[in-house]
């Protein structure tokens, strides 16, 4: 869907959430190498802070993390940023 917000890039930012440092860093490198704007969080708490500060077009989250569950995070994001697509891995 094309909109003025998309044209400004509001929806072009990706948030990747995973508590596995090696996996998270590898995925971020791959996505950035493709020219994507990616932020990373090491868990639910850090992700919640980033979501409060930024608009995302896509959030990709691990399910089981030390500080919470990815599906709960994605449900919260759905209420705060309904335009945001969400993926659980």
C-alpha atoms as a PDB file:
ATOM      1  CA  UNK A   1       0.000   0.000   0.000  1.00  0.00           C
ATOM      2  CA  UNK A   2       1.451   3.348  -1.033  1.00  0.00           C
ATOM      3  CA  UNK A   3       0.895   6.378   1.153  1.00  0.00           C
ATOM      4  CA  UNK A   4       2.515   9.655   2.085  1.00  0.00           C
ATOM      5  CA  UNK A   5       3.885   7.955   5.201  1.00  0.00           C
ATOM      6  CA  UNK A   6       5.508   5.257   3.085  1.00  0.00           C
ATOM      7  CA  UNK A   7       6.963   7.920   0.809  1.00  0.00           C
ATOM      8  CA  UNK A   8       8.538   9.583   3.852  1.00  0.00           C
ATOM      9  CA  UNK A   9      10.032   6.252   4.877  1.00  0.00           C
ATOM     10  CA  UNK A  10       8.007   5.876   8.085  1.00  0.00           C
ATOM     11  CA  UNK A  11       7.221   2.273   7.213  1.00  0.00           C
ATOM     12  CA  UNK A  12      10.596   1.317   5.778  1.00  0.00           C
ATOM     13  CA  UNK A  13      12.315   0.666   9.087  1.00  0.00           C
ATOM     14  CA  UNK A  14      12.747  -2.881  10.414  1.00  0.00           C
ATOM     15  CA  UNK A  15      13.180  -3.988  14.019  1.00  0.00           C
ATOM     16  CA  UNK A  16      14.845  -7.334  14.640  1.00  0.00           C
ATOM     17  CA  UNK A  17      14.475  -8.790  18.154  1.00  0.00           C
ATOM     18  CA  UNK A  18      16.522 -11.783  19.300  1.00  0.00           C
ATOM     19  CA  UNK A  19      18.471 -12.575  22.447  1.00  0.00           C
ATOM     20  CA  UNK A  20      20.972 -14.726  20.532  1.00  0.00           C
ATOM     21  CA  UNK A  21      23.750 -12.213  19.854  1.00  0.00           C
ATOM     22  CA  UNK A  22      25.370 -14.117  16.982  1.00  0.00           C
ATOM     23  CA  UNK A  23      22.111 -14.759  15.143  1.00  0.00           C
ATOM     24  CA  UNK A  24      20.832 -11.218  15.660  1.00  0.00           C
ATOM     25  CA  UNK A  25      24.072  -9.653  14.433  1.00  0.00           C
ATOM     26  CA  UNK A  26      24.248 -11.968  11.400  1.00  0.00           C
ATOM     27  CA  UNK A  27      20.657 -11.185  10.382  1.00  0.00           C
ATOM     28  CA  UNK A  28      21.173  -7.448  10.851  1.00  0.00           C
ATOM     29  CA  UNK A  29      24.309  -7.558   8.677  1.00  0.00           C
ATOM     30  CA  UNK A  30      22.435  -9.437   5.935  1.00  0.00           C
ATOM     31  CA  UNK A  31      19.486  -7.058   5.957  1.00  0.00           C
ATOM     32  CA  UNK A  32      21.686  -3.943   5.992  1.00  0.00           C
ATOM     33  CA  UNK A  33      23.778  -5.380   3.148  1.00  0.00           C
ATOM     34  CA  UNK A  34      20.566  -5.324   1.104  1.00  0.00           C
ATOM     35  CA  UNK A  35      20.163  -1.629   1.859  1.00  0.00           C
ATOM     36  CA  UNK A  36      17.461  -1.984   4.514  1.00  0.00           C
ATOM     37  CA  UNK A  37      17.162   0.306   7.539  1.00  0.00           C
ATOM     38  CA  UNK A  38      17.391  -2.063  10.524  1.00  0.00           C
ATOM     39  CA  UNK A  39      17.369  -1.553  14.279  1.00  0.00           C
ATOM     40  CA  UNK A  40      18.128  -4.424  16.633  1.00  0.00           C
ATOM     41  CA  UNK A  41      17.064  -5.289  20.160  1.00  0.00           C
ATOM     42  CA  UNK A  42      18.377  -8.056  22.400  1.00  0.00           C
ATOM     43  CA  UNK A  43      15.026  -8.682  24.072  1.00  0.00           C
ATOM     44  CA  UNK A  44      11.464  -7.634  24.761  1.00  0.00           C
ATOM     45  CA  UNK A  45      12.351  -4.763  27.107  1.00  0.00           C
ATOM     46  CA  UNK A  46      14.769  -3.123  24.686  1.00  0.00           C
ATOM     47  CA  UNK A  47      12.350  -3.646  21.805  1.00  0.00           C
ATOM     48  CA  UNK A  48       9.544  -1.942  23.756  1.00  0.00           C
ATOM     49  CA  UNK A  49      11.733   1.145  24.208  1.00  0.00           C
ATOM     50  CA  UNK A  50      12.583   1.257  20.492  1.00  0.00           C
ATOM     51  CA  UNK A  51       8.932   0.825  19.492  1.00  0.00           C
ATOM     52  CA  UNK A  52       7.964   3.719  21.770  1.00  0.00           C
ATOM     53  CA  UNK A  53      10.587   5.925  20.070  1.00  0.00           C
ATOM     54  CA  UNK A  54      10.267   4.856  16.403  1.00  0.00           C
ATOM     55  CA  UNK A  55       7.781   3.759  13.758  1.00  0.00           C
ATOM     56  CA  UNK A  56       8.427   0.411  12.108  1.00  0.00           C
ATOM     57  CA  UNK A  57       7.126  -1.182   8.956  1.00  0.00           C
ATOM     58  CA  UNK A  58       8.198  -4.647  10.059  1.00  0.00           C
ATOM     59  CA  UNK A  59       9.155  -6.264  13.353  1.00  0.00           C
ATOM     60  CA  UNK A  60      10.763  -9.709  13.307  1.00  0.00           C
ATOM     61  CA  UNK A  61      10.991 -11.352  16.717  1.00  0.00           C
ATOM     62  CA  UNK A  62      12.302 -14.520  18.254  1.00  0.00           C
ATOM     63  CA  UNK A  63       9.654 -16.350  20.309  1.00  0.00           C
ATOM     64  CA  UNK A  64      11.493 -17.413  23.461  1.00  0.00           C
ATOM     65  CA  UNK A  65      13.742 -14.804  25.039  1.00  0.00           C
ATOM     66  CA  UNK A  66      15.095 -14.389  28.527  1.00  0.00           C
ATOM     67  CA  UNK A  67      12.907 -11.379  29.300  1.00  0.00           C
ATOM     68  CA  UNK A  68       9.683 -12.467  27.614  1.00  0.00           C
ATOM     69  CA  UNK A  69       7.897 -13.977  24.652  1.00  0.00           C
ATOM     70  CA  UNK A  70       7.943 -12.685  21.118  1.00  0.00           C
ATOM     71  CA  UNK A  71       4.238 -13.273  20.500  1.00  0.00           C
ATOM     72  CA  UNK A  72       3.368 -11.027  23.461  1.00  0.00           C
ATOM     73  CA  UNK A  73       5.695  -8.320  22.130  1.00  0.00           C
ATOM     74  CA  UNK A  74       4.115  -8.542  18.676  1.00  0.00           C
ATOM     75  CA  UNK A  75       0.600  -8.317  20.128  1.00  0.00           C
ATOM     76  CA  UNK A  76       1.632  -5.155  21.975  1.00  0.00           C
ATOM     77  CA  UNK A  77       3.147  -3.678  18.827  1.00  0.00           C
ATOM     78  CA  UNK A  78      -0.071  -4.436  16.928  1.00  0.00           C
ATOM     79  CA  UNK A  79      -2.001  -2.136  19.266  1.00  0.00           C
ATOM     80  CA  UNK A  80       0.596   0.657  19.232  1.00  0.00           C
ATOM     81  CA  UNK A  81       1.542   0.532  15.552  1.00  0.00           C
ATOM     82  CA  UNK A  82      -1.316  -1.175  13.693  1.00  0.00           C
ATOM     83  CA  UNK A  83       0.288  -0.462  10.297  1.00  0.00           C
ATOM     84  CA  UNK A  84       3.351  -2.519  11.282  1.00  0.00           C
ATOM     85  CA  UNK A  85       3.752  -6.003   9.881  1.00  0.00           C
ATOM     86  CA  UNK A  86       4.971  -8.598  12.347  1.00  0.00           C
ATOM     87  CA  UNK A  87       6.812 -11.895  11.979  1.00  0.00           C
ATOM     88  CA  UNK A  88       7.672 -14.472  14.626  1.00  0.00           C
ATOM     89  CA  UNK A  89      10.649 -16.778  14.208  1.00  0.00           C
END
